[in-house]
Each structure stands twice: as structure tokens, then as C-alpha cells.
Amino acid sequence: MMSKEDALAALSAAHAIEKKPITNHNVLNEAYDYAKPSSFSRGLRLELGNFVILLISGTASIDEQGRTVHVGDFRGQCRRTFANITGLLESEGATWKDIVRTTCYLRDIDRDYEAFNEERTLFYGKQGLDPLPASTGIQAILCRPDLLVEIEAIAMLKKG
């Protein structure tokens, strides 16, 4: 007979959600100036039966070497951020059409929201998004002083 602890462990394992880290070093790398080891994943892939949920961590205008790019250029940082998220999605067989929610962090929402909304609207239009993802915009101090925008996203798609 199985002990109570063994039975609970077996039950937990049977109901565990499969998790896998997401990355795409062709578009962005971990920021090398962060303390090592890094204490977060670029994103997580969760598999729930026939469905996949992608949780994309806050993503910004970071290049393949982990450096900030488009310093001082808000629109350039927006475009690079969207490109980085696109690369992360593609690495998991997803597109922006699978995005259901974004949280958008702007260093100065009063100064930059209009430009952000213009860039986002143009980008979403090119992606053919309908309906648009749910979204929240927040003013925040970002992890690097040269970053002006950071976006996190949630995508949901069917497996296969």
C-alpha cells in the first residue's frame, strides 16, 4: 500500500502543468549587466491539455548582446520591443494573433503615451489583429535608466 505522502506526490505529478522556458537568442539575450544568475525566465510555455499559454516577461529594446538599443528614441524602442516579442512568439510557433493580454510600462506616460499608441496601432494593424488584445498601460521606473518602454504579454493557442 502506498503511503499518504507517496499518494499525494503521485497525484501532484499527474496534475502538474508542464512548464518550459522561452528564449530566442536571435533577437534578444539576457541583459549581461544584471546580477548572475538571472532570477527570471524570458518567458514560460505552459501546456494545459490541448492548450498552450505563453507568458512573456517584460520585454524591452534589448539586442542580441543584451544591450539597450535606440537609446533616447521612444518610437525606435517601441518597434524593437514589438520585434523582440514577435521573435519570442515565433520561437514557440505563435504570432501576435495569439496574444490575449499585454501590460505596457512607460517611463513617462504623459510624454510618451500618444506616440506609444500610434506605434502600437500601426503595429497591430500590420499584424491584422481583430479583436485587439486586452491591455493596461502603466507609468513605471524601468530596470535600466535608458529604457523608455517595456511590454509583457500573454498568448494562448491550441497545441499542434
Protein backbone atom coordinates (compact mmCIF):
# COMPACT_ATOMS: atom_id res chain seq x y z
CA MET A 1 0.00 0.00 0.00
CA MET A 2 1.20 3.50 -0.90
CA SER A 3 1.89 5.97 1.90
CA LYS A 4 -0.17 9.14 2.11
CA GLU A 5 2.91 11.20 1.15
CA ASP A 6 3.63 8.99 -1.89
CA ALA A 7 -0.02 9.13 -2.97
CA LEU A 8 -0.04 12.95 -2.71
CA ALA A 9 3.24 13.16 -4.66
CA ALA A 10 1.86 10.89 -7.41
CA LEU A 11 -1.37 12.90 -7.59
CA SER A 12 0.57 16.15 -7.75
CA ALA A 13 2.79 14.82 -10.55
CA ALA A 14 -0.24 13.61 -12.51
CA HIS A 15 -1.82 17.07 -12.34
CA ALA A 16 1.38 19.08 -12.82
CA ILE A 17 1.38 21.66 -15.57
CA GLU A 18 4.26 21.20 -17.98
CA LYS A 19 6.46 24.31 -17.95
CA LYS A 20 9.29 25.19 -20.33
CA PRO A 21 11.34 28.39 -20.54
CA ILE A 22 11.06 30.52 -23.69
CA THR A 23 14.00 32.30 -25.30
CA ASN A 24 15.16 33.43 -28.74
CA HIS A 25 18.81 34.48 -28.82
CA ASN A 26 18.44 35.56 -32.45
CA VAL A 27 16.51 38.67 -31.35
CA LEU A 28 17.47 39.34 -27.74
CA ASN A 29 19.62 38.00 -24.97
CA GLU A 30 19.57 38.30 -21.25
CA ALA A 31 20.94 41.60 -20.05
CA TYR A 32 24.53 41.00 -19.10
CA ASP A 33 24.64 43.81 -16.57
CA TYR A 34 22.11 42.06 -14.32
CA ALA A 35 23.40 40.11 -11.35
CA LYS A 36 24.09 36.46 -12.14
CA PRO A 37 22.44 34.12 -12.05
CA SER A 38 19.35 35.78 -13.53
CA SER A 39 16.29 35.14 -11.41
CA PHE A 40 13.65 35.07 -14.16
CA SER A 41 12.86 33.40 -17.48
CA ARG A 42 12.41 35.46 -20.65
CA GLY A 43 9.06 33.68 -20.79
CA LEU A 44 7.32 30.44 -19.89
CA ARG A 45 5.38 27.97 -22.01
CA LEU A 46 2.60 26.24 -20.06
CA GLU A 47 0.84 23.24 -21.56
CA LEU A 48 -2.69 22.54 -20.35
CA GLY A 49 -4.20 19.61 -22.20
CA ASN A 50 -4.72 20.78 -25.79
CA PHE A 51 -3.87 24.39 -24.99
CA VAL A 52 -0.65 26.35 -24.63
CA ILE A 53 -0.23 29.56 -22.65
CA LEU A 54 2.84 31.69 -23.26
CA LEU A 55 3.78 34.12 -20.51
CA ILE A 56 6.22 36.66 -21.96
CA SER A 57 8.21 38.51 -19.29
CA GLY A 58 8.67 42.24 -19.51
CA THR A 59 10.49 42.79 -22.80
CA ALA A 60 12.22 45.96 -23.96
CA SER A 61 14.55 47.34 -26.61
CA ILE A 62 17.39 44.87 -25.93
CA ASP A 63 19.61 43.41 -28.66
CA GLU A 64 21.31 40.07 -29.23
CA GLN A 65 24.18 41.08 -26.92
CA GLY A 66 21.88 42.16 -24.08
CA ARG A 67 22.44 45.89 -24.73
CA THR A 68 19.81 48.61 -24.80
CA VAL A 69 19.26 49.84 -28.35
CA HIS A 70 17.60 53.05 -29.62
CA VAL A 71 18.65 54.98 -26.51
CA GLY A 72 16.61 58.21 -26.34
CA ASP A 73 14.40 57.17 -29.31
CA PHE A 74 10.99 56.22 -27.88
CA ARG A 75 9.49 55.09 -31.20
CA GLY A 76 12.60 53.06 -32.04
CA GLN A 77 12.40 51.36 -28.64
CA CYS A 78 8.72 50.54 -29.23
CA ARG A 79 9.47 48.96 -32.60
CA ARG A 80 12.38 46.91 -31.20
CA THR A 81 10.24 45.79 -28.25
CA PHE A 82 7.49 44.59 -30.61
CA ALA A 83 10.12 42.82 -32.76
CA ASN A 84 11.60 41.09 -29.70
CA ILE A 85 8.19 39.85 -28.57
CA THR A 86 7.49 38.69 -32.13
CA GLY A 87 10.71 36.65 -32.04
CA LEU A 88 9.80 35.09 -28.71
CA LEU A 89 6.35 34.16 -30.05
CA GLU A 90 7.82 32.71 -33.25
CA SER A 91 10.19 30.52 -31.22
CA GLU A 92 7.08 28.80 -29.83
CA GLY A 93 5.06 28.64 -33.07
CA ALA A 94 2.85 31.59 -32.10
CA THR A 95 2.04 35.01 -33.54
CA TRP A 96 0.58 38.26 -32.29
CA LYS A 97 -2.85 36.87 -33.22
CA ASP A 98 -2.40 34.55 -30.21
CA ILE A 99 -1.81 37.45 -27.78
CA VAL A 100 -4.75 37.94 -25.44
CA ARG A 101 -3.27 40.47 -23.00
CA THR A 102 -0.44 42.97 -22.71
CA THR A 103 0.78 45.15 -19.88
CA CYS A 104 2.70 48.16 -21.17
CA TYR A 105 5.09 50.07 -18.93
CA LEU A 106 6.11 53.59 -19.99
CA ARG A 107 8.79 55.58 -18.16
CA ASP A 108 6.87 58.82 -18.83
CA ILE A 109 3.24 58.11 -19.72
CA ASP A 110 2.30 61.80 -20.02
CA ARG A 111 5.06 62.50 -22.53
CA ASP A 112 5.04 59.20 -24.48
CA TYR A 113 1.54 57.69 -24.46
CA GLU A 114 0.39 59.36 -27.66
CA ALA A 115 3.49 58.13 -29.56
CA PHE A 116 3.13 54.70 -27.94
CA ASN A 117 -0.49 54.38 -29.00
CA GLU A 118 0.38 55.47 -32.56
CA GLU A 119 3.20 52.88 -32.79
CA ARG A 120 1.05 50.15 -31.24
CA THR A 121 -1.91 50.92 -33.51
CA LEU A 122 0.34 50.83 -36.60
CA PHE A 123 2.00 47.57 -35.48
CA TYR A 124 -1.30 45.88 -34.59
CA GLY A 125 -2.77 46.97 -37.92
CA LYS A 126 0.15 45.33 -39.77
CA GLN A 127 -0.47 42.16 -37.74
CA GLY A 128 -4.17 42.17 -38.70
CA LEU A 129 -5.31 41.92 -35.08
CA ASP A 130 -9.06 41.72 -34.60
CA PRO A 131 -10.01 41.65 -31.81
CA LEU A 132 -7.25 43.63 -30.18
CA PRO A 133 -5.62 42.21 -27.04
CA ALA A 134 -6.75 43.40 -23.64
CA SER A 135 -4.16 45.86 -22.35
CA THR A 136 -3.12 48.04 -19.45
CA GLY A 137 -0.74 51.00 -19.61
CA ILE A 138 1.28 51.91 -16.53
CA GLN A 139 3.88 54.54 -15.77
CA ALA A 140 6.88 52.86 -14.16
CA ILE A 141 10.54 53.22 -13.38
CA LEU A 142 12.07 50.52 -15.56
CA CYS A 143 15.04 48.30 -14.69
CA ARG A 144 17.51 50.41 -16.71
CA PRO A 145 17.53 54.21 -16.86
CA ASP A 146 17.85 54.20 -20.69
CA LEU A 147 14.72 52.09 -21.25
CA LEU A 148 11.58 54.06 -22.12
CA VAL A 149 9.08 51.21 -22.69
CA GLU A 150 8.67 47.59 -21.61
CA ILE A 151 5.86 45.19 -22.50
CA GLU A 152 4.79 41.87 -21.04
CA ALA A 153 2.32 39.65 -22.84
CA ILE A 154 0.15 36.56 -22.53
CA ALA A 155 -0.61 34.39 -25.55
CA MET A 156 -2.99 31.43 -25.74
CA LEU A 157 -3.13 28.90 -28.54
CA LYS A 158 -4.17 25.35 -29.32
CA LYS A 159 -1.46 22.71 -29.20
CA GLY A 160 -0.14 21.43 -32.51
